Structure formats: structure tokens, C-alpha cells
C-alpha atoms as a PDB file:
ATOM      1  CA  MET A   1      43.228 104.840  76.482  1.00  0.00           C
ATOM      2  CA  THR A   2      46.317 106.674  75.415  1.00  0.00           C
ATOM      3  CA  VAL A   3      47.539 105.448  72.049  1.00  0.00           C
ATOM      4  CA  LYS A   4      50.954 106.242  70.703  1.00  0.00           C
ATOM      5  CA  ASN A   5      50.947 107.399  67.094  1.00  0.00           C
ATOM      6  CA  SER A   6      54.265 105.751  66.401  1.00  0.00           C
ATOM      7  CA  ARG A   7      56.699 103.933  68.642  1.00  0.00           C
ATOM      8  CA  VAL A   8      60.335 104.784  68.200  1.00  0.00           C
ATOM      9  CA  PRO A   9      62.301 101.577  67.701  1.00  0.00           C
ATOM     10  CA  LEU A  10      64.844 100.777  70.364  1.00  0.00           C
ATOM     11  CA  VAL A  11      68.225 101.669  68.998  1.00  0.00           C
ATOM     12  CA  ALA A  12      71.760 100.689  69.671  1.00  0.00           C
ATOM     13  CA  THR A  13      73.826 102.728  72.031  1.00  0.00           C
ATOM     14  CA  VAL A  14      75.643 104.603  69.264  1.00  0.00           C
ATOM     15  CA  ALA A  15      72.420 105.689  67.658  1.00  0.00           C
ATOM     16  CA  ALA A  16      71.006 106.662  71.014  1.00  0.00           C
ATOM     17  CA  LEU A  17      74.003 108.842  71.750  1.00  0.00           C
ATOM     18  CA  ALA A  18      73.612 110.562  68.411  1.00  0.00           C
ATOM     19  CA  GLY A  19      69.969 111.185  69.195  1.00  0.00           C
ATOM     20  CA  VAL A  20      70.852 112.669  72.561  1.00  0.00           C
ATOM     21  CA  VAL A  21      73.325 115.085  70.978  1.00  0.00           C
ATOM     22  CA  ALA A  22      70.665 116.205  68.529  1.00  0.00           C
ATOM     23  CA  LEU A  23      68.141 116.638  71.307  1.00  0.00           C
ATOM     24  CA  LEU A  24      70.429 118.753  73.404  1.00  0.00           C
ATOM     25  CA  ALA A  25      70.912 121.083  70.460  1.00  0.00           C
ATOM     26  CA  GLY A  26      67.233 121.953  70.749  1.00  0.00           C
ATOM     27  CA  PRO A  27      65.586 124.045  73.467  1.00  0.00           C
ATOM     28  CA  VAL A  28      65.955 122.695  76.977  1.00  0.00           C
ATOM     29  CA  PRO A  29      63.304 123.392  79.580  1.00  0.00           C
ATOM     30  CA  PRO A  30      64.484 126.012  82.100  1.00  0.00           C
ATOM     31  CA  PRO A  31      66.281 124.270  84.916  1.00  0.00           C
ATOM     32  CA  GLY A  32      64.541 126.257  87.621  1.00  0.00           C
ATOM     33  CA  SER A  33      66.028 126.708  91.017  1.00  0.00           C
ATOM     34  CA  VAL A  34      67.695 123.682  92.526  1.00  0.00           C
ATOM     35  CA  ARG A  35      68.253 124.164  96.225  1.00  0.00           C
ATOM     36  CA  ALA A  36      71.713 123.620  97.542  1.00  0.00           C
ATOM     37  CA  ALA A  37      70.290 122.062 100.676  1.00  0.00           C
ATOM     38  CA  VAL A  38      69.733 118.354 100.520  1.00  0.00           C
ATOM     39  CA  LEU A  39      68.039 118.184 103.883  1.00  0.00           C
ATOM     40  CA  ARG A  40      65.816 121.221 103.963  1.00  0.00           C
ATOM     41  CA  THR A  41      63.137 122.936 105.916  1.00  0.00           C
ATOM     42  CA  PRO A  42      59.800 121.251 105.089  1.00  0.00           C
ATOM     43  CA  ALA A  43      56.973 123.176 103.449  1.00  0.00           C
ATOM     44  CA  THR A  44      56.820 123.082  99.686  1.00  0.00           C
ATOM     45  CA  THR A  45      54.652 122.223  96.761  1.00  0.00           C
ATOM     46  CA  ARG A  46      56.411 121.796  93.447  1.00  0.00           C
ATOM     47  CA  PRO A  47      55.238 120.851  89.944  1.00  0.00           C
ATOM     48  CA  VAL A  48      55.165 117.175  89.078  1.00  0.00           C
ATOM     49  CA  ALA A  49      51.721 116.733  87.605  1.00  0.00           C
ATOM     50  CA  ASP A  50      51.112 113.017  87.511  1.00  0.00           C
ATOM     51  CA  THR A  51      47.343 113.272  87.733  1.00  0.00           C
ATOM     52  CA  PRO A  52      45.214 115.032  85.115  1.00  0.00           C
ATOM     53  CA  PRO A  53      43.274 118.068  86.340  1.00  0.00           C
ATOM     54  CA  GLY A  54      39.791 117.188  87.491  1.00  0.00           C
ATOM     55  CA  SER A  55      40.395 113.464  87.860  1.00  0.00           C
ATOM     56  CA  PRO A  56      37.746 112.034  90.188  1.00  0.00           C
ATOM     57  CA  GLN A  57      39.088 109.958  93.034  1.00  0.00           C
ATOM     58  CA  THR A  58      37.611 108.542  96.175  1.00  0.00           C
ATOM     59  CA  ALA A  59      39.324 109.063  99.494  1.00  0.00           C
ATOM     60  CA  THR A  60      40.121 105.782 101.154  1.00  0.00           C
ATOM     61  CA  SER A  61      40.465 105.372 104.891  1.00  0.00           C
ATOM     62  CA  SER A  62      43.479 103.177 105.520  1.00  0.00           C
ATOM     63  CA  PRO A  63      43.977 102.947 109.281  1.00  0.00           C
ATOM     64  CA  SER A  64      46.630 100.679 110.644  1.00  0.00           C
ATOM     65  CA  GLY A  65      46.614 101.257 114.388  1.00  0.00           C
ATOM     66  CA  VAL A  66      49.595 103.621 114.276  1.00  0.00           C
ATOM     67  CA  PRO A  67      49.873 106.256 117.042  1.00  0.00           C
ATOM     68  CA  ARG A  68      49.528 109.852 115.920  1.00  0.00           C
ATOM     69  CA  PRO A  69      51.915 112.594 117.125  1.00  0.00           C
ATOM     70  CA  ASP A  70      49.321 113.686 119.705  1.00  0.00           C
ATOM     71  CA  GLY A  71      49.471 110.253 121.345  1.00  0.00           C
ATOM     72  CA  THR A  72      46.078 109.007 120.128  1.00  0.00           C
ATOM     73  CA  ALA A  73      45.796 105.918 117.984  1.00  0.00           C
ATOM     74  CA  ALA A  74      44.163 105.579 114.603  1.00  0.00           C
ATOM     75  CA  PRO A  75      41.617 102.740 114.554  1.00  0.00           C
ATOM     76  CA  GLY A  76      42.960  99.438 113.323  1.00  0.00           C
ATOM     77  CA  ILE A  77      41.712  97.197 110.551  1.00  0.00           C
ATOM     78  CA  PRO A  78      41.124  93.542 111.386  1.00  0.00           C
ATOM     79  CA  GLY A  79      43.560  91.332 109.512  1.00  0.00           C
ATOM     80  CA  THR A  80      45.932  94.119 108.439  1.00  0.00           C
ATOM     81  CA  ALA A  81      49.618  93.317 108.830  1.00  0.00           C
ATOM     82  CA  THR A  82      51.519  95.806 110.930  1.00  0.00           C
ATOM     83  CA  THR A  83      55.119  94.631 110.813  1.00  0.00           C
ATOM     84  CA  ALA A  84      56.505  97.436 108.683  1.00  0.00           C
ATOM     85  CA  GLY A  85      53.930 100.104 109.473  1.00  0.00           C
ATOM     86  CA  ALA A  86      52.989 100.059 113.139  1.00  0.00           C
ATOM     87  CA  ASN A  87      56.209  98.546 114.415  1.00  0.00           C
ATOM     88  CA  GLY A  88      58.398 101.114 112.681  1.00  0.00           C
ATOM     89  CA  PRO A  89      61.542 100.720 110.613  1.00  0.00           C
ATOM     90  CA  GLY A  90      64.033  97.930 110.932  1.00  0.00           C
ATOM     91  CA  PRO A  91      67.484  98.996 112.092  1.00  0.00           C
ATOM     92  CA  ASP A  92      69.125  98.391 108.709  1.00  0.00           C
ATOM     93  CA  GLU A  93      66.451  99.736 106.375  1.00  0.00           C
ATOM     94  CA  PRO A  94      67.745 102.539 104.118  1.00  0.00           C
ATOM     95  CA  GLY A  95      66.009 105.802 104.904  1.00  0.00           C
ATOM     96  CA  ALA A  96      65.098 104.805 108.453  1.00  0.00           C
ATOM     97  CA  THR A  97      65.185 107.669 110.956  1.00  0.00           C
ATOM     98  CA  ARG A  98      64.341 107.891 114.630  1.00  0.00           C
ATOM     99  CA  PRO A  99      60.527 108.034 115.030  1.00  0.00           C
ATOM    100  CA  GLY A 100      59.146 111.144 116.661  1.00  0.00           C
ATOM    101  CA  GLY A 101      60.973 113.981 114.937  1.00  0.00           C
ATOM    102  CA  LEU A 102      60.009 115.646 111.669  1.00  0.00           C
ATOM    103  CA  PRO A 103      61.230 113.449 108.795  1.00  0.00           C
ATOM    104  CA  PRO A 104      64.157 114.807 106.783  1.00  0.00           C
ATOM    105  CA  VAL A 105      63.271 115.968 103.265  1.00  0.00           C
ATOM    106  CA  VAL A 106      65.781 115.108 100.546  1.00  0.00           C
ATOM    107  CA  ASP A 107      66.210 116.681  97.117  1.00  0.00           C
ATOM    108  CA  HIS A 108      69.465 115.021  96.066  1.00  0.00           C
ATOM    109  CA  GLY A 109      72.603 113.341  97.277  1.00  0.00           C
ATOM    110  CA  PRO A 110      76.142 114.732  97.516  1.00  0.00           C
ATOM    111  CA  ARG A 111      77.387 116.475  94.370  1.00  0.00           C
ATOM    112  CA  THR A 112      80.579 114.428  94.448  1.00  0.00           C
ATOM    113  CA  GLY A 113      81.239 111.214  92.566  1.00  0.00           C
ATOM    114  CA  ASN A 114      79.272 110.092  89.536  1.00  0.00           C
ATOM    115  CA  ARG A 115      76.139 108.365  90.833  1.00  0.00           C
ATOM    116  CA  VAL A 116      72.534 109.362  90.116  1.00  0.00           C
ATOM    117  CA  ALA A 117      69.275 107.743  91.223  1.00  0.00           C
ATOM    118  CA  LEU A 118      66.617 106.665  88.751  1.00  0.00           C
ATOM    119  CA  THR A 119      63.317 106.619  90.662  1.00  0.00           C
ATOM    120  CA  PHE A 120      59.994 105.456  89.226  1.00  0.00           C
ATOM    121  CA  ASP A 121      56.626 106.300  90.782  1.00  0.00           C
ATOM    122  CA  ALA A 122      53.854 103.687  90.512  1.00  0.00           C
ATOM    123  CA  ASP A 123      50.635 105.634  91.057  1.00  0.00           C
ATOM    124  CA  LEU A 124      47.181 104.096  91.301  1.00  0.00           C
ATOM    125  CA  THR A 125      44.040 105.907  92.382  1.00  0.00           C
ATOM    126  CA  ASP A 126      40.411 104.842  92.561  1.00  0.00           C
ATOM    127  CA  ALA A 127      39.787 106.728  89.314  1.00  0.00           C
ATOM    128  CA  MET A 128      42.635 104.870  87.631  1.00  0.00           C
ATOM    129  CA  ARG A 129      41.290 101.551  88.917  1.00  0.00           C
ATOM    130  CA  TYR A 130      37.929 102.414  87.386  1.00  0.00           C
ATOM    131  CA  GLN A 131      39.655 103.117  84.067  1.00  0.00           C
ATOM    132  CA  LEU A 132      41.197  99.652  84.173  1.00  0.00           C
ATOM    133  CA  ARG A 133      37.984  97.880  85.084  1.00  0.00           C
ATOM    134  CA  SER A 134      35.989  99.726  82.433  1.00  0.00           C
ATOM    135  CA  GLY A 135      38.524  98.845  79.749  1.00  0.00           C
ATOM    136  CA  ALA A 136      39.283 102.495  79.025  1.00  0.00           C
ATOM    137  CA  VAL A 137      43.003 101.832  79.569  1.00  0.00           C
ATOM    138  CA  ARG A 138      45.062  98.707  79.182  1.00  0.00           C
ATOM    139  CA  SER A 139      47.663  98.985  81.914  1.00  0.00           C
ATOM    140  CA  TYR A 140      49.272 101.188  84.527  1.00  0.00           C
ATOM    141  CA  ALA A 141      52.341  98.931  84.679  1.00  0.00           C
ATOM    142  CA  ASN A 142      54.917  99.675  81.994  1.00  0.00           C
ATOM    143  CA  LEU A 143      56.723  96.372  81.667  1.00  0.00           C
ATOM    144  CA  ALA A 144      58.910  97.692  78.853  1.00  0.00           C
ATOM    145  CA  ILE A 145      60.657  99.854  81.446  1.00  0.00           C
ATOM    146  CA  VAL A 146      61.218  96.894  83.752  1.00  0.00           C
ATOM    147  CA  ASP A 147      62.403  94.750  80.822  1.00  0.00           C
ATOM    148  CA  ARG A 148      65.031  97.311  79.809  1.00  0.00           C
ATOM    149  CA  LEU A 149      66.285  97.908  83.342  1.00  0.00           C
ATOM    150  CA  GLU A 150      66.633  94.166  83.844  1.00  0.00           C
ATOM    151  CA  ARG A 151      68.232  93.545  80.466  1.00  0.00           C
ATOM    152  CA  GLU A 152      70.804  96.297  80.935  1.00  0.00           C
ATOM    153  CA  ARG A 153      71.273  95.545  84.639  1.00  0.00           C
ATOM    154  CA  VAL A 154      70.379  99.084  85.673  1.00  0.00           C
ATOM    155  CA  PRO A 155      69.654  99.799  89.364  1.00  0.00           C
ATOM    156  CA  ALA A 156      66.487 101.742  90.210  1.00  0.00           C
ATOM    157  CA  THR A 157      64.188 102.629  93.107  1.00  0.00           C
ATOM    158  CA  PHE A 158      60.411 102.202  92.767  1.00  0.00           C
ATOM    159  CA  PHE A 159      57.987 104.307  94.824  1.00  0.00           C
ATOM    160  CA  LEU A 160      54.861 102.142  95.031  1.00  0.00           C
ATOM    161  CA  THR A 161      51.325 103.030  96.039  1.00  0.00           C
ATOM    162  CA  GLY A 162      49.587 100.318  98.024  1.00  0.00           C
ATOM    163  CA  LYS A 163      46.783 100.084  95.481  1.00  0.00           C
ATOM    164  CA  TRP A 164      49.276  99.582  92.654  1.00  0.00           C
ATOM    165  CA  VAL A 165      50.868  96.717  94.578  1.00  0.00           C
ATOM    166  CA  GLU A 166      47.439  95.144  95.106  1.00  0.00           C
ATOM    167  CA  GLN A 167      46.600  95.578  91.411  1.00  0.00           C
ATOM    168  CA  TYR A 168      49.940  94.197  90.181  1.00  0.00           C
ATOM    169  CA  PRO A 169      51.192  91.611  92.693  1.00  0.00           C
ATOM    170  CA  GLN A 170      53.152  89.665  90.088  1.00  0.00           C
ATOM    171  CA  VAL A 171      54.955  92.780  88.876  1.00  0.00           C
ATOM    172  CA  THR A 172      55.672  93.770  92.472  1.00  0.00           C
ATOM    173  CA  ARG A 173      57.090  90.306  93.107  1.00  0.00           C
ATOM    174  CA  ARG A 174      59.293  90.738  90.037  1.00  0.00           C
ATOM    175  CA  LEU A 175      60.587  94.090  91.276  1.00  0.00           C
ATOM    176  CA  ALA A 176      61.234  92.728  94.751  1.00  0.00           C
ATOM    177  CA  GLY A 177      63.090  89.755  93.294  1.00  0.00           C
ATOM    178  CA  ASN A 178      65.654  91.911  91.509  1.00  0.00           C
ATOM    179  CA  PRO A 179      68.638  92.682  93.772  1.00  0.00           C
ATOM    180  CA  ARG A 180      69.278  95.909  91.813  1.00  0.00           C
ATOM    181  CA  PHE A 181      65.846  97.344  92.645  1.00  0.00           C
ATOM    182  CA  GLU A 182      64.711  99.042  95.842  1.00  0.00           C
ATOM    183  CA  LEU A 183      61.091  99.415  96.983  1.00  0.00           C
ATOM    184  CA  ALA A 184      59.796 102.619  98.554  1.00  0.00           C
ATOM    185  CA  ASN A 185      56.456 104.103  99.687  1.00  0.00           C
ATOM    186  CA  HIS A 186      54.220 106.463  97.645  1.00  0.00           C
ATOM    187  CA  THR A 187      51.068 106.346  99.875  1.00  0.00           C
ATOM    188  CA  TYR A 188      48.203 103.899  99.628  1.00  0.00           C
ATOM    189  CA  GLY A 189      45.897 105.598  97.110  1.00  0.00           C
ATOM    190  CA  HIS A 190      47.780 108.689  95.871  1.00  0.00           C
ATOM    191  CA  LEU A 191      45.670 111.222  97.747  1.00  0.00           C
ATOM    192  CA  ALA A 192      46.920 114.758  98.385  1.00  0.00           C
ATOM    193  CA  PHE A 193      48.481 115.643 101.733  1.00  0.00           C
ATOM    194  CA  THR A 194      47.978 119.386 101.191  1.00  0.00           C
ATOM    195  CA  ALA A 195      45.345 121.589  99.594  1.00  0.00           C
ATOM    196  CA  ASP A 196      45.589 122.541  95.906  1.00  0.00           C
ATOM    197  CA  CYS A 197      47.746 119.613  94.851  1.00  0.00           C
ATOM    198  CA  TYR A 198      46.935 119.085  91.161  1.00  0.00           C
ATOM    199  CA  HIS A 199      43.220 118.559  91.830  1.00  0.00           C
ATOM    200  CA  LEU A 200      43.911 115.425  93.871  1.00  0.00           C
ATOM    201  CA  PRO A 201      41.306 114.756  96.577  1.00  0.00           C
ATOM    202  CA  ARG A 202      42.797 115.517  99.966  1.00  0.00           C
ATOM    203  CA  ILE A 203      43.209 112.924 102.666  1.00  0.00           C
ATOM    204  CA  ASP A 204      42.065 113.902 106.165  1.00  0.00           C
ATOM    205  CA  ARG A 205      44.931 114.792 108.455  1.00  0.00           C
ATOM    206  CA  ASP A 206      43.955 112.184 111.032  1.00  0.00           C
ATOM    207  CA  ARG A 207      44.301 109.456 108.374  1.00  0.00           C
ATOM    208  CA  MET A 208      47.733 110.399 107.038  1.00  0.00           C
ATOM    209  CA  THR A 209      49.829 108.317 109.423  1.00  0.00           C
ATOM    210  CA  ALA A 210      47.740 105.210 108.929  1.00  0.00           C
ATOM    211  CA  ASP A 211      47.679 105.594 105.144  1.00  0.00           C
ATOM    212  CA  VAL A 212      51.461 105.568 104.855  1.00  0.00           C
ATOM    213  CA  ALA A 213      51.839 102.836 107.486  1.00  0.00           C
ATOM    214  CA  ARG A 214      49.373 100.668 105.617  1.00  0.00           C
ATOM    215  CA  THR A 215      51.422 101.019 102.446  1.00  0.00           C
ATOM    216  CA  PHE A 216      54.534  99.766 104.224  1.00  0.00           C
ATOM    217  CA  ASP A 217      52.412  96.831 105.415  1.00  0.00           C
ATOM    218  CA  VAL A 218      51.218  96.071 101.871  1.00  0.00           C
ATOM    219  CA  ILE A 219      54.753  96.129 100.458  1.00  0.00           C
ATOM    220  CA  ALA A 220      56.451  94.252 103.325  1.00  0.00           C
ATOM    221  CA  PRO A 221      55.430  90.656 102.434  1.00  0.00           C
ATOM    222  CA  TYR A 222      57.160  90.896  99.047  1.00  0.00           C
ATOM    223  CA  GLY A 223      60.605  91.113 100.616  1.00  0.00           C
ATOM    224  CA  GLY A 224      63.503  92.268  98.473  1.00  0.00           C
ATOM    225  CA  ARG A 225      65.320  95.515  99.169  1.00  0.00           C
ATOM    226  CA  GLN A 226      62.770  97.345 101.292  1.00  0.00           C
ATOM    227  CA  THR A 227      63.433 100.927 102.342  1.00  0.00           C
ATOM    228  CA  ARG A 228      62.012 103.599 104.591  1.00  0.00           C
ATOM    229  CA  TYR A 229      61.946 106.173 101.795  1.00  0.00           C
ATOM    230  CA  PHE A 230      58.668 107.964 101.133  1.00  0.00           C
ATOM    231  CA  ARG A 231      57.443 110.325  98.387  1.00  0.00           C
ATOM    232  CA  PHE A 232      54.343 112.506  98.650  1.00  0.00           C
ATOM    233  CA  PRO A 233      51.940 112.549  95.681  1.00  0.00           C
ATOM    234  CA  GLY A 234      52.755 115.559  93.537  1.00  0.00           C
ATOM    235  CA  LEU A 235      55.624 116.317  95.955  1.00  0.00           C
ATOM    236  CA  CYS A 236      53.002 118.300  97.892  1.00  0.00           C
ATOM    237  CA  HIS A 237      53.739 118.552 101.607  1.00  0.00           C
ATOM    238  CA  ASP A 238      53.855 120.999 104.471  1.00  0.00           C
ATOM    239  CA  ARG A 239      54.893 120.945 108.110  1.00  0.00           C
ATOM    240  CA  ALA A 240      51.526 119.540 109.224  1.00  0.00           C
ATOM    241  CA  ALA A 241      51.824 116.564 106.854  1.00  0.00           C
ATOM    242  CA  LEU A 242      55.379 115.883 107.975  1.00  0.00           C
ATOM    243  CA  ALA A 243      54.301 116.040 111.619  1.00  0.00           C
ATOM    244  CA  GLU A 244      51.674 113.356 110.989  1.00  0.00           C
ATOM    245  CA  LEU A 245      54.360 111.057 109.551  1.00  0.00           C
ATOM    246  CA  ALA A 246      56.785 111.630 112.420  1.00  0.00           C
ATOM    247  CA  PRO A 247      55.935 108.313 114.166  1.00  0.00           C
ATOM    248  CA  LEU A 248      56.957 106.264 111.120  1.00  0.00           C
ATOM    249  CA  GLY A 249      60.707 106.891 111.091  1.00  0.00           C
ATOM    250  CA  ILE A 250      60.961 107.737 107.386  1.00  0.00           C
ATOM    251  CA  THR A 251      62.959 109.912 105.007  1.00  0.00           C
ATOM    252  CA  VAL A 252      60.928 111.997 102.549  1.00  0.00           C
ATOM    253  CA  VAL A 253      62.419 112.016  99.063  1.00  0.00           C
ATOM    254  CA  ASP A 254      61.448 114.702  96.573  1.00  0.00           C
ATOM    255  CA  GLY A 255      64.019 114.984  93.784  1.00  0.00           C
ATOM    256  CA  ASP A 256      65.904 117.612  91.819  1.00  0.00           C
ATOM    257  CA  VAL A 257      65.219 116.351  88.266  1.00  0.00           C
ATOM    258  CA  VAL A 258      61.532 116.320  87.311  1.00  0.00           C
ATOM    259  CA  SER A 259      61.179 114.527  83.983  1.00  0.00           C
ATOM    260  CA  GLY A 260      57.680 115.716  83.100  1.00  0.00           C
ATOM    261  CA  ASP A 261      56.840 112.279  81.718  1.00  0.00           C
ATOM    262  CA  PRO A 262      53.206 112.080  82.910  1.00  0.00           C
ATOM    263  CA  PHE A 263      50.930 112.646  79.904  1.00  0.00           C
ATOM    264  CA  ALA A 264      53.853 113.553  77.628  1.00  0.00           C
ATOM    265  CA  ARG A 265      52.979 112.974  73.979  1.00  0.00           C
ATOM    266  CA  ALA A 266      56.572 112.588  72.782  1.00  0.00           C
ATOM    267  CA  TRP A 267      59.726 111.149  74.279  1.00  0.00           C
ATOM    268  CA  GLN A 268      62.087 113.967  73.273  1.00  0.00           C
ATOM    269  CA  PRO A 269      60.962 116.542  75.895  1.00  0.00           C
ATOM    270  CA  ILE A 270      61.391 113.935  78.634  1.00  0.00           C
ATOM    271  CA  VAL A 271      64.981 113.289  77.563  1.00  0.00           C
ATOM    272  CA  ARG A 272      65.770 117.001  77.350  1.00  0.00           C
ATOM    273  CA  ALA A 273      64.255 117.655  80.780  1.00  0.00           C
ATOM    274  CA  VAL A 274      66.377 114.947  82.407  1.00  0.00           C
ATOM    275  CA  LEU A 275      69.691 115.474  80.633  1.00  0.00           C
ATOM    276  CA  GLY A 276      69.418 119.248  80.844  1.00  0.00           C
ATOM    277  CA  ARG A 277      69.259 119.191  84.654  1.00  0.00           C
ATOM    278  CA  VAL A 278      71.021 116.058  85.852  1.00  0.00           C
ATOM    279  CA  ARG A 279      74.157 116.387  87.985  1.00  0.00           C
ATOM    280  CA  PRO A 280      76.117 114.033  90.227  1.00  0.00           C
ATOM    281  CA  GLY A 281      73.886 113.044  93.143  1.00  0.00           C
ATOM    282  CA  SER A 282      70.657 113.831  91.278  1.00  0.00           C
ATOM    283  CA  VAL A 283      67.380 112.090  92.069  1.00  0.00           C
ATOM    284  CA  ILE A 284      65.472 111.692  88.786  1.00  0.00           C
ATOM    285  CA  ILE A 285      61.675 111.376  88.945  1.00  0.00           C
ATOM    286  CA  LEU A 286      60.061 109.149  86.304  1.00  0.00           C
ATOM    287  CA  HIS A 287      56.866 107.049  86.208  1.00  0.00           C
ATOM    288  CA  VAL A 288      56.143 103.406  85.490  1.00  0.00           C
ATOM    289  CA  THR A 289      52.391 103.998  85.017  1.00  0.00           C
ATOM    290  CA  GLU A 290      52.064 103.196  81.329  1.00  0.00           C
ATOM    291  CA  ALA A 291      48.669 104.712  80.474  1.00  0.00           C
ATOM    292  CA  ASN A 292      49.473 107.967  82.297  1.00  0.00           C
ATOM    293  CA  ALA A 293      53.110 108.117  81.199  1.00  0.00           C
ATOM    294  CA  PRO A 294      53.079 106.382  77.811  1.00  0.00           C
ATOM    295  CA  MET A 295      56.396 107.704  76.477  1.00  0.00           C
ATOM    296  CA  THR A 296      58.711 106.920  79.380  1.00  0.00           C
ATOM    297  CA  ASP A 297      59.831 103.571  77.985  1.00  0.00           C
ATOM    298  CA  GLU A 298      60.829 105.249  74.714  1.00  0.00           C
ATOM    299  CA  ALA A 299      62.724 108.016  76.492  1.00  0.00           C
ATOM    300  CA  LEU A 300      64.591 105.632  78.798  1.00  0.00           C
ATOM    301  CA  PRO A 301      67.242 104.317  76.351  1.00  0.00           C
ATOM    302  CA  PHE A 302      68.170 107.889  75.374  1.00  0.00           C
ATOM    303  CA  ILE A 303      68.324 108.913  79.035  1.00  0.00           C
ATOM    304  CA  LEU A 304      70.618 105.989  79.832  1.00  0.00           C
ATOM    305  CA  ALA A 305      72.844 106.796  76.851  1.00  0.00           C
ATOM    306  CA  GLY A 306      73.013 110.469  77.831  1.00  0.00           C
ATOM    307  CA  LEU A 307      73.955 109.615  81.404  1.00  0.00           C
ATOM    308  CA  ALA A 308      76.732 107.342  80.146  1.00  0.00           C
ATOM    309  CA  GLU A 309      78.005 110.084  77.840  1.00  0.00           C
ATOM    310  CA  ARG A 310      78.313 112.378  80.873  1.00  0.00           C
ATOM    311  CA  GLY A 311      80.069 109.728  82.936  1.00  0.00           C
ATOM    312  CA  LEU A 312      77.061 109.391  85.265  1.00  0.00           C
ATOM    313  CA  VAL A 313      76.139 105.962  86.616  1.00  0.00           C
ATOM    314  CA  PRO A 314      72.622 104.952  87.751  1.00  0.00           C
ATOM    315  CA  ALA A 315      72.500 103.598  91.285  1.00  0.00           C
ATOM    316  CA  THR A 316      69.870 102.861  93.900  1.00  0.00           C
ATOM    317  CA  LEU A 317      68.622 105.727  96.020  1.00  0.00           C
ATOM    318  CA  SER A 318      70.326 104.365  99.113  1.00  0.00           C
ATOM    319  CA  GLU A 319      73.657 104.255  97.256  1.00  0.00           C
ATOM    320  CA  VAL A 320      73.263 107.812  95.954  1.00  0.00           C
ATOM    321  CA  LEU A 321      72.392 109.153  99.399  1.00  0.00           C
ATOM    322  CA  ALA A 322      75.243 107.035 100.759  1.00  0.00           C
ATOM    323  CA  GLY A 323      74.264 107.030 104.419  1.00  0.00           C
ATOM    324  CA  HIS A 324      74.136 110.807 104.774  1.00  0.00           C
ATOM    325  CA  ILE A 325      70.525 110.748 106.000  1.00  0.00           C
ATOM    326  CA  GLU A 326      70.369 110.247 109.728  1.00  0.00           C
ATOM    327  CA  MET A 327      68.199 112.768 111.516  1.00  0.00           C
ATOM    328  CA  PRO A 328      66.273 115.867 110.352  1.00  0.00           C
ATOM    329  CA  VAL A 329      68.744 118.745 110.119  1.00  0.00           C
ATOM    330  CA  ARG A 330      68.974 121.947 108.150  1.00  0.00           C
ATOM    331  CA  GLY A 331      71.596 122.638 105.559  1.00  0.00           C
ATOM    332  CA  GLY A 332      73.144 120.646 102.787  1.00  0.00           C
ATOM    333  CA  ILE A 333      75.707 117.954 102.298  1.00  0.00           C
ATOM    334  CA  GLU A 334      77.286 119.444  99.210  1.00  0.00           C
END
């Protein structure tokens, strides 16, 4: 179990702003290359290590009767709901695209205005479940993050794995019940969709469609602001993976601001990583998995203060993308 040596007390906004200024005076991680294209050609693997190297996980077959691009059907599971998965997106769901074509891949929204998207991944693998059951870790649901977002009325989008939803139904119900929160899809069991993706076990190609469809099915009964947004584990994807998800009518969301919060041992580098790269239209990647990202709740107040200092306003992903995602195209929407 990850234990924090000392928790930084939550401070008032003035103190937080002062802390942000001090942080930015220190070294900022190199911003890297941020593509100008928002909708881009699929085929990339980029660093967002949210699983420790060598973590054992068990591949889980999660069929849901969804047709594959070659016209064959994955075997169904008796008793599995199929409203959101097999039947495709509803007409008004944010992120919904026409099934059949390669899904668009989004890094960020338009660079106009002042909105940015706070997104939180909720990972849960078989190995993480074992850690919970064995008592090695206390929780993979960081309620301090949810408490702060609710208390300060901050919009956010949560990318949920199906196993996390099954492990934390009450927390999922709480997220779904907040009109400022959106729910999105992060696969069923956080398996890799490409080779060499941070030591994650790889899901078979013929199971990819059903895995993602099943996750929509698991999330659907909770209601709330459901979306057709999807994020690959580790942001690892290629053209083959996108082709397998073509029947689902989704939008793939990567992000242009990687916080580096998984396994961080201090909150300051997380704050520097976010505030050093954020711009209007940014999609910020954070995690709500407490044991694997134990410092995110301490970084969050400083991130929020820094955004306010820059005149940037958190919004849901659908508001940041503002209806610009329709069909897969090349080029940007700068």
C-alpha cells in the first residue's frame, strides 16, 4: 500500500496561488511536441504510465455480441445488457460518430476561448483487484478528488473501466448523479490494445470490440451524462485497434496535457506538468485511482488555482470540444 509521508493541508485560494507561483519558478518538465491537429491520423503510442512495469494481469474475455468490422459477430454473454454497446450510440450522446468508419482521435479542443477539460481515468485491472482483496492497498477510488470537485462545483469527465464500475458502484452512482460530471469509457479491464504498452497484457484483436462495448453496457444503467468518448489504456493504439472499434460509433480521446500523476511521490511535479503545458482547449489527463496515484488529490487545489490565475475555466469534455467532432477527418480545428 502506498503511504504518504506527509499530507499537505488544503489551503485557501490565496495560499494556493502563491504556491503555484513558487512552483513555476522551478524546473518545468519539457513540454514535448503538441500536435496542431486535433483530429489526427491514428497510430501512436505515447507515455502515460499508469501501470507499474511488470504488473501481472489476467486477460478477460468480454464479448457482447457486437459485430466486428469483417461482418462476423463476437459471441454473446447470457444476461449481458447491450443497450449502449451492441445497439450503438444514441443520437444526442457527446462523442457519437457514425459507426463503420475509423473513429476520430482527439488531442485537444479549439485553441480559442478559455475552457479546458479535466479528465480523470479510473483504472482497475485483475492485478489491482487482487491487491484490494489481499489488503495490500486500501482503495483505488480517491474520494478526496470527488469531494473537492463537488465542493467547488468543478466540471470533469471520468473515463471508467468496467471493472472499476463493478468494484465501486456507489461511487459510480455518485459521479453519474452530478450534473457537472460526464462518464466515458476506458475499456473493461485496462488491457493493452497494442504490443509494448507499459507491460500491460495485450487483449486479443478479436475481443477488442466486445470489450469496449461491454464497458458501455456496464456504465449505461447508472444514467447521468453518458458519452461516446473512449480512451485507450496508456494511450496506446494503432490503425488495427481503431478498425476493431469502428462499429461502436465512438470518439477516441487522448489528451495534450499528461500530468504524470500515476505513482508520483510528491504533488509538486504534477502541478508543474499541468500548468507548464496547459492552453485553451487542453485535455488534461489525471487519475482517480488513489493507491496508484496517491498525490493527485493534493495537487488538485494548486492546479485549480493555477488555471484560475491564467483565466482558464474547467469544463466538461463535450463543452471543450464544442461539437467539432463529427466524422473522422485529417487536420486540425485550431
